Each structure stands twice: as structure tokens, then as C-alpha cells.
Amino acid sequence: MQIESADERLLRIVSSVFDNYLNENEAENSMSLQERDAIDEALFQVANKQTISNEVVMEETKKRYPKYFKDDN
């Protein structure tokens, strides 16, 4: 009865809550346990400053695979 007497705004809010709930469950269920563990490990490494800067990674990559990078000179 309350849904039948609800205004449009309330129905949109309820619909949005259900949509968000379903989307969150789909996203959680689509990720494997191994993927979740890898993300948790990465977040742990970031929190503990166990990362390498993009500049260092690019420098090492250019040294290792120079044929894939244009000569900057």
C-alpha cells in the first residue's frame, strides 16, 4: 500500500537503492578470490610505500626494450 501511495521522488530513491545494491553484488561476484587477494596485496604495498615510481619503471622498460621507443634525440 505504501508503494502504491508513494510519490515519484520516493519511488526513484527506492529504485536507485535497489540498482546500487544489485550493481555492487554483480561487481563483487564477477571478481575471483585470486583477483581480490591481488588487489588487497597491492593496496597493502601502496599503504606501506612499497611501490616504484612511474619514472623508474619507464626508464627500466626503455633500457630493456629500446626498439619499442622512439629515439628522443
N, C-alpha and C. Protein backbone atom coordinates (compact mmCIF):
# COMPACT_ATOMS: atom_id res chain seq x y z
N MET A 1 0.83 -1.19 0.00
CA MET A 1 0.00 0.00 0.00
C MET A 1 0.87 1.25 0.00
N GLN A 2 1.98 1.22 0.75
CA GLN A 2 2.84 2.40 0.81
C GLN A 2 3.47 2.68 -0.55
N ILE A 3 3.84 1.64 -1.27
CA ILE A 3 4.43 1.84 -2.59
C ILE A 3 3.39 2.41 -3.55
N GLU A 4 2.17 1.91 -3.46
CA GLU A 4 1.11 2.42 -4.32
C GLU A 4 0.81 3.88 -4.05
N SER A 5 0.96 4.32 -2.82
CA SER A 5 0.66 5.72 -2.49
C SER A 5 1.90 6.61 -2.52
N ALA A 6 3.09 6.05 -2.81
CA ALA A 6 4.33 6.83 -2.82
C ALA A 6 4.37 7.76 -4.01
N ASP A 7 5.05 8.90 -3.81
CA ASP A 7 5.21 9.83 -4.94
C ASP A 7 6.39 9.39 -5.82
N GLU A 8 6.53 10.04 -6.94
CA GLU A 8 7.56 9.69 -7.93
C GLU A 8 8.97 9.78 -7.34
N ARG A 9 9.22 10.80 -6.54
CA ARG A 9 10.55 11.00 -5.96
C ARG A 9 10.94 9.83 -5.07
N LEU A 10 10.05 9.38 -4.21
CA LEU A 10 10.33 8.26 -3.33
C LEU A 10 10.58 6.98 -4.12
N LEU A 11 9.79 6.76 -5.15
CA LEU A 11 9.98 5.57 -5.99
C LEU A 11 11.33 5.58 -6.68
N ARG A 12 11.79 6.75 -7.11
CA ARG A 12 13.10 6.85 -7.75
C ARG A 12 14.21 6.54 -6.74
N ILE A 13 14.05 7.03 -5.52
CA ILE A 13 15.06 6.77 -4.48
C ILE A 13 15.13 5.28 -4.18
N VAL A 14 13.98 4.65 -4.01
CA VAL A 14 13.95 3.21 -3.73
C VAL A 14 14.55 2.43 -4.89
N SER A 15 14.19 2.81 -6.09
CA SER A 15 14.73 2.14 -7.28
C SER A 15 16.25 2.29 -7.34
N SER A 16 16.74 3.47 -7.04
CA SER A 16 18.18 3.72 -7.06
C SER A 16 18.91 2.87 -6.03
N VAL A 17 18.33 2.75 -4.84
CA VAL A 17 18.94 1.92 -3.79
C VAL A 17 19.04 0.47 -4.26
N PHE A 18 17.96 -0.05 -4.84
CA PHE A 18 18.00 -1.43 -5.33
C PHE A 18 19.00 -1.59 -6.47
N ASP A 19 19.05 -0.64 -7.39
CA ASP A 19 20.00 -0.72 -8.50
C ASP A 19 21.43 -0.73 -8.00
N ASN A 20 21.74 0.16 -7.04
CA ASN A 20 23.09 0.20 -6.49
C ASN A 20 23.44 -1.10 -5.78
N TYR A 21 22.51 -1.63 -5.04
CA TYR A 21 22.74 -2.90 -4.35
C TYR A 21 23.04 -4.01 -5.35
N LEU A 22 22.24 -4.09 -6.40
CA LEU A 22 22.45 -5.14 -7.39
C LEU A 22 23.76 -4.96 -8.13
N ASN A 23 24.11 -3.73 -8.45
CA ASN A 23 25.37 -3.47 -9.15
C ASN A 23 26.57 -3.82 -8.28
N GLU A 24 26.50 -3.52 -6.99
CA GLU A 24 27.60 -3.87 -6.08
C GLU A 24 27.76 -5.37 -5.99
N ASN A 25 26.66 -6.09 -5.89
CA ASN A 25 26.74 -7.55 -5.81
C ASN A 25 27.29 -8.15 -7.08
N GLU A 26 26.89 -7.62 -8.23
CA GLU A 26 27.41 -8.12 -9.51
C GLU A 26 28.90 -7.88 -9.60
N ALA A 27 29.34 -6.70 -9.19
CA ALA A 27 30.77 -6.38 -9.26
C ALA A 27 31.57 -7.27 -8.33
N GLU A 28 31.06 -7.52 -7.14
CA GLU A 28 31.76 -8.39 -6.19
C GLU A 28 31.81 -9.82 -6.70
N ASN A 29 30.73 -10.29 -7.26
CA ASN A 29 30.67 -11.67 -7.71
C ASN A 29 31.46 -11.91 -8.99
N SER A 30 31.73 -10.86 -9.75
CA SER A 30 32.45 -11.04 -11.00
C SER A 30 33.96 -11.12 -10.79
N MET A 31 34.43 -10.81 -9.60
CA MET A 31 35.85 -10.83 -9.31
C MET A 31 36.20 -12.13 -8.57
N SER A 32 37.24 -12.78 -9.03
CA SER A 32 37.65 -14.03 -8.38
C SER A 32 38.36 -13.74 -7.06
N LEU A 33 38.47 -14.75 -6.24
CA LEU A 33 39.17 -14.61 -4.97
C LEU A 33 40.63 -14.24 -5.21
N GLN A 34 41.22 -14.81 -6.23
CA GLN A 34 42.62 -14.51 -6.57
C GLN A 34 42.76 -13.03 -6.95
N GLU A 35 41.79 -12.49 -7.71
CA GLU A 35 41.85 -11.09 -8.08
C GLU A 35 41.69 -10.18 -6.85
N ARG A 36 40.78 -10.54 -5.97
CA ARG A 36 40.59 -9.75 -4.74
C ARG A 36 41.84 -9.77 -3.89
N ASP A 37 42.48 -10.94 -3.77
CA ASP A 37 43.72 -11.05 -3.00
C ASP A 37 44.82 -10.19 -3.60
N ALA A 38 44.91 -10.17 -4.93
CA ALA A 38 45.93 -9.37 -5.61
C ALA A 38 45.69 -7.88 -5.36
N ILE A 39 44.45 -7.46 -5.39
CA ILE A 39 44.13 -6.05 -5.12
C ILE A 39 44.45 -5.70 -3.67
N ASP A 40 44.09 -6.58 -2.76
CA ASP A 40 44.41 -6.34 -1.35
C ASP A 40 45.91 -6.23 -1.14
N GLU A 41 46.67 -7.09 -1.79
CA GLU A 41 48.13 -7.04 -1.67
C GLU A 41 48.67 -5.73 -2.24
N ALA A 42 48.14 -5.31 -3.38
CA ALA A 42 48.58 -4.05 -3.98
C ALA A 42 48.26 -2.86 -3.07
N LEU A 43 47.08 -2.85 -2.47
CA LEU A 43 46.72 -1.78 -1.56
C LEU A 43 47.62 -1.77 -0.33
N PHE A 44 47.98 -2.95 0.15
CA PHE A 44 48.90 -3.06 1.28
C PHE A 44 50.26 -2.46 0.91
N GLN A 45 50.75 -2.79 -0.29
CA GLN A 45 52.04 -2.28 -0.74
C GLN A 45 52.01 -0.76 -0.88
N VAL A 46 50.93 -0.22 -1.39
CA VAL A 46 50.82 1.23 -1.51
C VAL A 46 50.82 1.87 -0.13
N ALA A 47 50.05 1.31 0.78
CA ALA A 47 49.96 1.86 2.14
C ALA A 47 51.31 1.83 2.85
N ASN A 48 52.14 0.86 2.52
CA ASN A 48 53.45 0.72 3.16
C ASN A 48 54.59 1.27 2.31
N LYS A 49 54.23 2.08 1.31
CA LYS A 49 55.20 2.74 0.44
C LYS A 49 56.17 1.75 -0.20
N GLN A 50 55.64 0.62 -0.63
CA GLN A 50 56.44 -0.40 -1.30
C GLN A 50 56.15 -0.37 -2.80
N THR A 51 56.29 0.82 -3.36
CA THR A 51 55.98 1.00 -4.78
C THR A 51 57.20 1.54 -5.51
N ILE A 52 57.12 1.51 -6.82
CA ILE A 52 58.17 2.05 -7.69
C ILE A 52 57.53 3.16 -8.52
N SER A 53 58.21 4.27 -8.66
CA SER A 53 57.64 5.39 -9.42
C SER A 53 57.52 5.04 -10.90
N ASN A 54 56.61 5.70 -11.56
CA ASN A 54 56.42 5.51 -12.99
C ASN A 54 57.70 5.86 -13.76
N GLU A 55 58.40 6.88 -13.31
CA GLU A 55 59.63 7.29 -13.99
C GLU A 55 60.66 6.17 -13.99
N VAL A 56 60.82 5.51 -12.86
CA VAL A 56 61.79 4.40 -12.75
C VAL A 56 61.36 3.24 -13.63
N VAL A 57 60.09 2.91 -13.61
CA VAL A 57 59.58 1.82 -14.44
C VAL A 57 59.80 2.12 -15.92
N MET A 58 59.51 3.35 -16.33
CA MET A 58 59.69 3.71 -17.75
C MET A 58 61.16 3.67 -18.15
N GLU A 59 62.02 4.14 -17.28
CA GLU A 59 63.45 4.12 -17.57
C GLU A 59 63.95 2.68 -17.75
N GLU A 60 63.58 1.81 -16.85
CA GLU A 60 63.99 0.41 -16.95
C GLU A 60 63.38 -0.27 -18.19
N THR A 61 62.14 0.06 -18.50
CA THR A 61 61.48 -0.52 -19.66
C THR A 61 62.15 -0.07 -20.95
N LYS A 62 62.51 1.21 -21.04
CA LYS A 62 63.20 1.72 -22.23
C LYS A 62 64.56 1.06 -22.41
N LYS A 63 65.26 0.79 -21.30
CA LYS A 63 66.55 0.11 -21.39
C LYS A 63 66.38 -1.33 -21.85
N ARG A 64 65.35 -1.97 -21.35
CA ARG A 64 65.13 -3.38 -21.65
C ARG A 64 64.56 -3.61 -23.05
N TYR A 65 63.69 -2.69 -23.49
CA TYR A 65 63.01 -2.83 -24.78
C TYR A 65 63.16 -1.56 -25.62
N PRO A 66 64.38 -1.19 -25.98
CA PRO A 66 64.58 0.08 -26.68
C PRO A 66 63.92 0.15 -28.06
N LYS A 67 63.72 -0.98 -28.70
CA LYS A 67 63.13 -0.96 -30.05
C LYS A 67 61.68 -0.49 -30.05
N TYR A 68 61.03 -0.48 -28.89
CA TYR A 68 59.64 -0.06 -28.81
C TYR A 68 59.48 1.44 -28.49
N PHE A 69 60.62 2.13 -28.35
CA PHE A 69 60.56 3.56 -28.02
C PHE A 69 61.32 4.34 -29.07
N LYS A 70 60.73 5.47 -29.46
CA LYS A 70 61.39 6.34 -30.42
C LYS A 70 62.59 7.00 -29.74
N ASP A 71 63.62 7.26 -30.55
CA ASP A 71 64.81 7.94 -30.04
C ASP A 71 64.44 9.40 -29.75
N ASP A 72 64.65 9.85 -28.51
CA ASP A 72 64.29 11.21 -28.11
C ASP A 72 65.27 12.25 -28.64
N ASN A 73 66.42 11.83 -29.15
CA ASN A 73 67.43 12.78 -29.63
C ASN A 73 67.19 13.23 -31.02
